[in-house]
Amino acid sequence: MTRFALLSADSPLNGLVAIAAAVLCLASTPLAAQPVFSWDPLKDIENALPEGVPNEGKIIQARQQVREMAQDSLATLIEYAPATRRVIDRSAGYAVFSTFGVKLFFAGGTAGKGVVVNQRTHRQTFMKMVQVQGGLGFGINQNRLIFVFTTEQALRNFINQGWEFGGQANISAIAGGKGGMMSGAASIAPGVYLYQLTNTGLAATITVSGTKFFVDPDLN
């Protein structure tokens, strides 16, 4: 039985029920179906948090949008890699981020928002990510990043110290059959694994070049 603790602002049990319902619904969907991220939560959050100091109602609204994004991402991950359900359930905690990036000619960037969940305390910490890209190109990308922390120390370090990937952080995921339950994830540090979901499925190569993750002062 899963014990994901992220989705209700008031009751972890409500989050458990919601995630279980989402997984049951997905169980009836053919595995060949591709995930479709029905909305871009970053756009909604930007609308909820206009320039200036947002009021409490806007902050609550933005937090809930991040929670809904995280629920959608976890359900999609479980559809593609059912073993991740037990991996996350047994973890010290996890983080889910939604990213949206635009690249124009020689420069581009990606912004993202997410939430970190401590499985023991059920505490939620909202975070941001930013990425700066170089090189020639044009395009738009949207994906979801899901971190799994197998130790309390790794979880605390991510929240308290943030995280930064270097300029050439393209990481191969663990191949099926070789990594056991962690198949499809990339091992990025002791006690830290990372999945990347795109509109075409679970990525075999995870691209996080020049990316920083840090606590979001607006939502905490």
C-alpha atoms as a PDB file:
ATOM      1  CA  MET A   1       0.000   0.000   0.000  1.00  0.00           C
ATOM      2  CA  THR A   2       1.427   3.358  -0.944  1.00  0.00           C
ATOM      3  CA  ARG A   3       1.831   6.131   1.574  1.00  0.00           C
ATOM      4  CA  PHE A   4       2.456   9.117  -0.673  1.00  0.00           C
ATOM      5  CA  ALA A   5       1.882  12.188   1.481  1.00  0.00           C
ATOM      6  CA  LEU A   6       1.601  15.169  -0.744  1.00  0.00           C
ATOM      7  CA  LEU A   7      -1.676  16.261  -2.060  1.00  0.00           C
ATOM      8  CA  SER A   8      -3.888  17.609   0.654  1.00  0.00           C
ATOM      9  CA  ALA A   9      -2.940  20.708   2.524  1.00  0.00           C
ATOM     10  CA  ASP A  10      -4.777  19.430   5.585  1.00  0.00           C
ATOM     11  CA  SER A  11      -4.697  15.627   5.627  1.00  0.00           C
ATOM     12  CA  PRO A  12      -2.089  13.160   4.377  1.00  0.00           C
ATOM     13  CA  LEU A  13      -4.848  10.535   4.254  1.00  0.00           C
ATOM     14  CA  ASN A  14      -6.717  12.561   1.652  1.00  0.00           C
ATOM     15  CA  GLY A  15      -3.579  12.588  -0.463  1.00  0.00           C
ATOM     16  CA  LEU A  16      -3.311   8.805  -0.077  1.00  0.00           C
ATOM     17  CA  VAL A  17      -6.854   8.287  -1.273  1.00  0.00           C
ATOM     18  CA  ALA A  18      -6.354  10.618  -4.224  1.00  0.00           C
ATOM     19  CA  ILE A  19      -3.146   8.915  -5.385  1.00  0.00           C
ATOM     20  CA  ALA A  20      -4.691   5.458  -4.971  1.00  0.00           C
ATOM     21  CA  ALA A  21      -7.681   6.491  -7.077  1.00  0.00           C
ATOM     22  CA  ALA A  22      -5.397   7.877  -9.750  1.00  0.00           C
ATOM     23  CA  VAL A  23      -3.388   4.644  -9.882  1.00  0.00           C
ATOM     24  CA  LEU A  24      -6.544   2.503 -10.104  1.00  0.00           C
ATOM     25  CA  CYS A  25      -7.791   4.597 -13.010  1.00  0.00           C
ATOM     26  CA  LEU A  26      -4.466   4.294 -14.773  1.00  0.00           C
ATOM     27  CA  ALA A  27      -4.476   0.531 -14.340  1.00  0.00           C
ATOM     28  CA  SER A  28      -7.284   0.307 -16.899  1.00  0.00           C
ATOM     29  CA  THR A  29      -5.318   2.392 -19.462  1.00  0.00           C
ATOM     30  CA  PRO A  30      -3.198   0.509 -22.024  1.00  0.00           C
ATOM     31  CA  LEU A  31       0.508   0.840 -21.265  1.00  0.00           C
ATOM     32  CA  ALA A  32       1.130   1.841 -24.862  1.00  0.00           C
ATOM     33  CA  ALA A  33      -0.745   5.094 -24.314  1.00  0.00           C
ATOM     34  CA  GLN A  34       1.508   8.117 -24.068  1.00  0.00           C
ATOM     35  CA  PRO A  35       1.153  10.534 -21.166  1.00  0.00           C
ATOM     36  CA  VAL A  36      -0.405  13.838 -22.001  1.00  0.00           C
ATOM     37  CA  PHE A  37       0.259  16.663 -19.589  1.00  0.00           C
ATOM     38  CA  SER A  38      -3.102  18.364 -19.873  1.00  0.00           C
ATOM     39  CA  TRP A  39      -1.992  21.749 -18.582  1.00  0.00           C
ATOM     40  CA  ASP A  40       1.069  23.768 -17.816  1.00  0.00           C
ATOM     41  CA  PRO A  41       0.980  24.502 -14.084  1.00  0.00           C
ATOM     42  CA  LEU A  42       3.709  27.096 -14.403  1.00  0.00           C
ATOM     43  CA  LYS A  43       1.456  29.322 -16.481  1.00  0.00           C
ATOM     44  CA  ASP A  44      -1.355  28.954 -13.947  1.00  0.00           C
ATOM     45  CA  ILE A  45       0.987  29.690 -11.063  1.00  0.00           C
ATOM     46  CA  GLU A  46       2.302  32.811 -12.782  1.00  0.00           C
ATOM     47  CA  ASN A  47      -1.290  34.001 -13.107  1.00  0.00           C
ATOM     48  CA  ALA A  48      -1.927  33.220  -9.455  1.00  0.00           C
ATOM     49  CA  LEU A  49       1.225  35.007  -8.331  1.00  0.00           C
ATOM     50  CA  PRO A  50       1.356  38.380 -10.151  1.00  0.00           C
ATOM     51  CA  GLU A  51       4.205  40.805  -9.609  1.00  0.00           C
ATOM     52  CA  GLY A  52       4.351  42.222  -6.124  1.00  0.00           C
ATOM     53  CA  VAL A  53       3.548  40.538  -2.849  1.00  0.00           C
ATOM     54  CA  PRO A  54       0.753  37.956  -3.328  1.00  0.00           C
ATOM     55  CA  ASN A  55      -1.949  37.586  -0.734  1.00  0.00           C
ATOM     56  CA  GLU A  56      -2.524  34.400   1.248  1.00  0.00           C
ATOM     57  CA  GLY A  57      -5.329  33.229  -1.020  1.00  0.00           C
ATOM     58  CA  LYS A  58      -3.107  33.396  -4.097  1.00  0.00           C
ATOM     59  CA  ILE A  59      -0.342  31.523  -2.311  1.00  0.00           C
ATOM     60  CA  ILE A  60      -2.741  28.734  -1.294  1.00  0.00           C
ATOM     61  CA  GLN A  61      -3.993  28.506  -4.875  1.00  0.00           C
ATOM     62  CA  ALA A  62      -0.466  28.226  -6.269  1.00  0.00           C
ATOM     63  CA  ARG A  63       0.496  25.549  -3.733  1.00  0.00           C
ATOM     64  CA  GLN A  64      -2.518  23.470  -4.722  1.00  0.00           C
ATOM     65  CA  GLN A  65      -1.614  23.734  -8.403  1.00  0.00           C
ATOM     66  CA  VAL A  66       1.850  22.388  -7.640  1.00  0.00           C
ATOM     67  CA  ARG A  67       0.312  19.521  -5.642  1.00  0.00           C
ATOM     68  CA  GLU A  68      -2.001  18.641  -8.540  1.00  0.00           C
ATOM     69  CA  MET A  69       0.940  18.647 -10.948  1.00  0.00           C
ATOM     70  CA  ALA A  70       2.828  16.313  -8.613  1.00  0.00           C
ATOM     71  CA  GLN A  71      -0.126  13.904  -8.373  1.00  0.00           C
ATOM     72  CA  ASP A  72      -0.425  13.786 -12.163  1.00  0.00           C
ATOM     73  CA  SER A  73       3.321  13.187 -12.545  1.00  0.00           C
ATOM     74  CA  LEU A  74       3.481  10.366  -9.992  1.00  0.00           C
ATOM     75  CA  ALA A  75       0.478   8.609 -11.534  1.00  0.00           C
ATOM     76  CA  THR A  76       2.090   8.819 -14.985  1.00  0.00           C
ATOM     77  CA  LEU A  77       5.425   7.518 -13.675  1.00  0.00           C
ATOM     78  CA  ILE A  78       3.719   4.540 -12.045  1.00  0.00           C
ATOM     79  CA  GLU A  79       1.930   3.784 -15.313  1.00  0.00           C
ATOM     80  CA  TYR A  80       5.231   3.563 -17.182  1.00  0.00           C
ATOM     81  CA  ALA A  81       7.276   1.911 -14.423  1.00  0.00           C
ATOM     82  CA  PRO A  82       5.008   0.112 -11.899  1.00  0.00           C
ATOM     83  CA  ALA A  83       7.970  -0.765  -9.643  1.00  0.00           C
ATOM     84  CA  THR A  84       8.387   2.925  -8.815  1.00  0.00           C
ATOM     85  CA  ARG A  85       5.290   2.742  -6.639  1.00  0.00           C
ATOM     86  CA  ARG A  86       7.145   0.626  -4.080  1.00  0.00           C
ATOM     87  CA  VAL A  87      10.387   2.570  -4.557  1.00  0.00           C
ATOM     88  CA  ILE A  88       8.723   5.855  -3.619  1.00  0.00           C
ATOM     89  CA  ASP A  89       6.668   4.271  -0.863  1.00  0.00           C
ATOM     90  CA  ARG A  90       9.838   3.009   0.838  1.00  0.00           C
ATOM     91  CA  SER A  91      11.852   6.174   0.299  1.00  0.00           C
ATOM     92  CA  ALA A  92      12.765   8.837   2.841  1.00  0.00           C
ATOM     93  CA  GLY A  93      11.120  11.368   0.549  1.00  0.00           C
ATOM     94  CA  TYR A  94      10.705  12.557  -2.999  1.00  0.00           C
ATOM     95  CA  ALA A  95      10.410  15.710  -5.081  1.00  0.00           C
ATOM     96  CA  VAL A  96       8.379  16.435  -8.218  1.00  0.00           C
ATOM     97  CA  PHE A  97       9.053  19.356 -10.587  1.00  0.00           C
ATOM     98  CA  SER A  98       7.313  20.595 -13.718  1.00  0.00           C
ATOM     99  CA  THR A  99       9.491  22.380 -16.243  1.00  0.00           C
ATOM    100  CA  PHE A 100       8.752  24.480 -19.283  1.00  0.00           C
ATOM    101  CA  GLY A 101      11.536  25.722 -21.506  1.00  0.00           C
ATOM    102  CA  VAL A 102      11.970  27.785 -24.638  1.00  0.00           C
ATOM    103  CA  LYS A 103      15.157  27.899 -26.697  1.00  0.00           C
ATOM    104  CA  LEU A 104      15.716  30.634 -29.272  1.00  0.00           C
ATOM    105  CA  PHE A 105      18.823  30.533 -31.454  1.00  0.00           C
ATOM    106  CA  PHE A 106      21.903  30.861 -29.204  1.00  0.00           C
ATOM    107  CA  ALA A 107      20.336  31.016 -25.772  1.00  0.00           C
ATOM    108  CA  GLY A 108      17.421  29.600 -23.882  1.00  0.00           C
ATOM    109  CA  GLY A 109      16.203  28.735 -20.465  1.00  0.00           C
ATOM    110  CA  THR A 110      13.877  26.596 -18.430  1.00  0.00           C
ATOM    111  CA  ALA A 111      11.900  27.485 -15.326  1.00  0.00           C
ATOM    112  CA  GLY A 112      10.123  25.133 -13.000  1.00  0.00           C
ATOM    113  CA  LYS A 113       8.289  24.713  -9.745  1.00  0.00           C
ATOM    114  CA  GLY A 114       7.894  21.681  -7.551  1.00  0.00           C
ATOM    115  CA  VAL A 115       7.347  20.214  -4.129  1.00  0.00           C
ATOM    116  CA  VAL A 116       9.497  18.048  -1.868  1.00  0.00           C
ATOM    117  CA  VAL A 117       7.723  15.593   0.440  1.00  0.00           C
ATOM    118  CA  ASN A 118       9.215  14.067   3.582  1.00  0.00           C
ATOM    119  CA  GLN A 119       7.641  10.608   3.880  1.00  0.00           C
ATOM    120  CA  ARG A 120       8.196  10.400   7.642  1.00  0.00           C
ATOM    121  CA  THR A 121       6.884  13.815   8.702  1.00  0.00           C
ATOM    122  CA  HIS A 122       4.659  14.500   5.650  1.00  0.00           C
ATOM    123  CA  ARG A 123       6.185  17.979   5.502  1.00  0.00           C
ATOM    124  CA  GLN A 124       5.962  19.677   2.104  1.00  0.00           C
ATOM    125  CA  THR A 125       8.615  22.127   0.930  1.00  0.00           C
ATOM    126  CA  PHE A 126       7.955  24.074  -2.268  1.00  0.00           C
ATOM    127  CA  MET A 127      10.932  24.725  -4.506  1.00  0.00           C
ATOM    128  CA  LYS A 128      11.974  26.396  -7.762  1.00  0.00           C
ATOM    129  CA  MET A 129      14.314  25.379 -10.555  1.00  0.00           C
ATOM    130  CA  VAL A 130      16.080  27.441 -13.193  1.00  0.00           C
ATOM    131  CA  GLN A 131      18.174  26.319 -16.150  1.00  0.00           C
ATOM    132  CA  VAL A 132      20.272  28.260 -18.647  1.00  0.00           C
ATOM    133  CA  GLN A 133      21.168  26.609 -21.952  1.00  0.00           C
ATOM    134  CA  GLY A 134      23.714  27.431 -24.613  1.00  0.00           C
ATOM    135  CA  GLY A 135      24.192  26.416 -28.227  1.00  0.00           C
ATOM    136  CA  LEU A 136      22.301  26.971 -31.447  1.00  0.00           C
ATOM    137  CA  GLY A 137      18.712  25.797 -31.716  1.00  0.00           C
ATOM    138  CA  PHE A 138      15.024  26.500 -31.542  1.00  0.00           C
ATOM    139  CA  GLY A 139      12.327  24.627 -29.692  1.00  0.00           C
ATOM    140  CA  ILE A 140      10.049  24.212 -26.726  1.00  0.00           C
ATOM    141  CA  ASN A 141      10.271  21.443 -24.159  1.00  0.00           C
ATOM    142  CA  GLN A 142       8.131  20.417 -21.229  1.00  0.00           C
ATOM    143  CA  ASN A 143       8.868  17.601 -18.842  1.00  0.00           C
ATOM    144  CA  ARG A 144       8.534  16.394 -15.285  1.00  0.00           C
ATOM    145  CA  LEU A 145      11.454  15.565 -12.981  1.00  0.00           C
ATOM    146  CA  ILE A 146      10.933  13.176 -10.073  1.00  0.00           C
ATOM    147  CA  PHE A 147      13.666  12.817  -7.443  1.00  0.00           C
ATOM    148  CA  VAL A 148      13.662   9.886  -5.001  1.00  0.00           C
ATOM    149  CA  PHE A 149      15.717  10.164  -1.799  1.00  0.00           C
ATOM    150  CA  THR A 150      16.578   6.877  -0.128  1.00  0.00           C
ATOM    151  CA  THR A 151      18.101   8.497   2.977  1.00  0.00           C
ATOM    152  CA  GLU A 152      17.024  11.284   5.316  1.00  0.00           C
ATOM    153  CA  GLN A 153      20.407  12.970   4.896  1.00  0.00           C
ATOM    154  CA  ALA A 154      20.066  13.161   1.110  1.00  0.00           C
ATOM    155  CA  LEU A 155      16.577  14.617   1.509  1.00  0.00           C
ATOM    156  CA  ARG A 156      17.709  17.255   4.013  1.00  0.00           C
ATOM    157  CA  ASN A 157      20.672  18.246   1.845  1.00  0.00           C
ATOM    158  CA  PHE A 158      18.427  18.812  -1.164  1.00  0.00           C
ATOM    159  CA  ILE A 159      16.117  21.092   0.792  1.00  0.00           C
ATOM    160  CA  ASN A 160      18.648  22.941   2.948  1.00  0.00           C
ATOM    161  CA  GLN A 161      21.491  23.332   0.467  1.00  0.00           C
ATOM    162  CA  GLY A 162      19.664  23.226  -2.843  1.00  0.00           C
ATOM    163  CA  TRP A 163      21.027  21.359  -5.836  1.00  0.00           C
ATOM    164  CA  GLU A 164      23.034  22.321  -8.896  1.00  0.00           C
ATOM    165  CA  PHE A 165      23.956  20.325 -11.987  1.00  0.00           C
ATOM    166  CA  GLY A 166      26.957  21.306 -14.076  1.00  0.00           C
ATOM    167  CA  GLY A 167      27.007  22.432 -17.678  1.00  0.00           C
ATOM    168  CA  GLN A 168      27.125  18.939 -19.174  1.00  0.00           C
ATOM    169  CA  ALA A 169      24.781  16.897 -16.994  1.00  0.00           C
ATOM    170  CA  ASN A 170      23.351  14.338 -19.434  1.00  0.00           C
ATOM    171  CA  ILE A 171      22.872  11.148 -17.439  1.00  0.00           C
ATOM    172  CA  SER A 172      21.891   7.679 -18.647  1.00  0.00           C
ATOM    173  CA  ALA A 173      19.105   5.966 -16.746  1.00  0.00           C
ATOM    174  CA  ILE A 174      19.614   2.526 -15.240  1.00  0.00           C
ATOM    175  CA  ALA A 175      18.699  -0.094 -17.847  1.00  0.00           C
ATOM    176  CA  GLY A 176      15.827  -2.496 -17.261  1.00  0.00           C
ATOM    177  CA  GLY A 177      16.951  -5.726 -15.646  1.00  0.00           C
ATOM    178  CA  LYS A 178      20.230  -4.245 -14.404  1.00  0.00           C
ATOM    179  CA  GLY A 179      19.034  -1.835 -11.770  1.00  0.00           C
ATOM    180  CA  GLY A 180      16.211  -3.884 -10.268  1.00  0.00           C
ATOM    181  CA  MET A 181      13.509  -1.645  -8.851  1.00  0.00           C
ATOM    182  CA  MET A 182      15.414   1.518  -9.823  1.00  0.00           C
ATOM    183  CA  SER A 183      15.210   0.764 -13.551  1.00  0.00           C
ATOM    184  CA  GLY A 184      14.473   3.928 -15.513  1.00  0.00           C
ATOM    185  CA  ALA A 185      16.069   6.236 -12.939  1.00  0.00           C
ATOM    186  CA  ALA A 186      19.503   7.848 -12.998  1.00  0.00           C
ATOM    187  CA  SER A 187      21.704   7.599  -9.924  1.00  0.00           C
ATOM    188  CA  ILE A 188      22.908  11.190  -9.485  1.00  0.00           C
ATOM    189  CA  ALA A 189      24.386  11.079  -5.972  1.00  0.00           C
ATOM    190  CA  PRO A 190      24.505   8.741  -2.964  1.00  0.00           C
ATOM    191  CA  GLY A 191      20.909   8.143  -1.966  1.00  0.00           C
ATOM    192  CA  VAL A 192      19.446  10.236  -4.809  1.00  0.00           C
ATOM    193  CA  TYR A 193      17.746   8.923  -7.959  1.00  0.00           C
ATOM    194  CA  LEU A 194      16.100  10.939 -10.730  1.00  0.00           C
ATOM    195  CA  TYR A 195      13.378  10.102 -13.274  1.00  0.00           C
ATOM    196  CA  GLN A 196      12.494  12.312 -16.232  1.00  0.00           C
ATOM    197  CA  LEU A 197       9.079  12.141 -17.905  1.00  0.00           C
ATOM    198  CA  THR A 198       8.434  13.703 -21.293  1.00  0.00           C
ATOM    199  CA  ASN A 199       5.389  13.705 -23.550  1.00  0.00           C
ATOM    200  CA  THR A 200       6.728  10.515 -25.142  1.00  0.00           C
ATOM    201  CA  GLY A 201       7.413   8.567 -21.963  1.00  0.00           C
ATOM    202  CA  LEU A 202      10.176   7.823 -19.480  1.00  0.00           C
ATOM    203  CA  ALA A 203      13.452   9.270 -20.756  1.00  0.00           C
ATOM    204  CA  ALA A 204      16.459   6.962 -21.138  1.00  0.00           C
ATOM    205  CA  THR A 205      18.843   9.931 -21.003  1.00  0.00           C
ATOM    206  CA  ILE A 206      18.131  12.651 -18.458  1.00  0.00           C
ATOM    207  CA  THR A 207      19.162  16.183 -19.442  1.00  0.00           C
ATOM    208  CA  VAL A 208      19.578  18.622 -16.566  1.00  0.00           C
ATOM    209  CA  SER A 209      22.526  20.718 -17.711  1.00  0.00           C
ATOM    210  CA  GLY A 210      23.161  23.948 -15.827  1.00  0.00           C
ATOM    211  CA  THR A 211      20.171  23.485 -13.550  1.00  0.00           C
ATOM    212  CA  LYS A 212      19.698  24.834 -10.024  1.00  0.00           C
ATOM    213  CA  PHE A 213      17.043  23.818  -7.499  1.00  0.00           C
ATOM    214  CA  PHE A 214      16.275  25.957  -4.451  1.00  0.00           C
ATOM    215  CA  VAL A 215      13.531  26.720  -1.903  1.00  0.00           C
ATOM    216  CA  ASP A 216      10.726  28.916  -3.236  1.00  0.00           C
ATOM    217  CA  PRO A 217      10.358  31.943  -0.915  1.00  0.00           C
ATOM    218  CA  ASP A 218       6.928  32.797  -2.355  1.00  0.00           C
ATOM    219  CA  LEU A 219       5.220  29.486  -1.566  1.00  0.00           C
ATOM    220  CA  ASN A 220       6.740  28.492   1.799  1.00  0.00           C
END
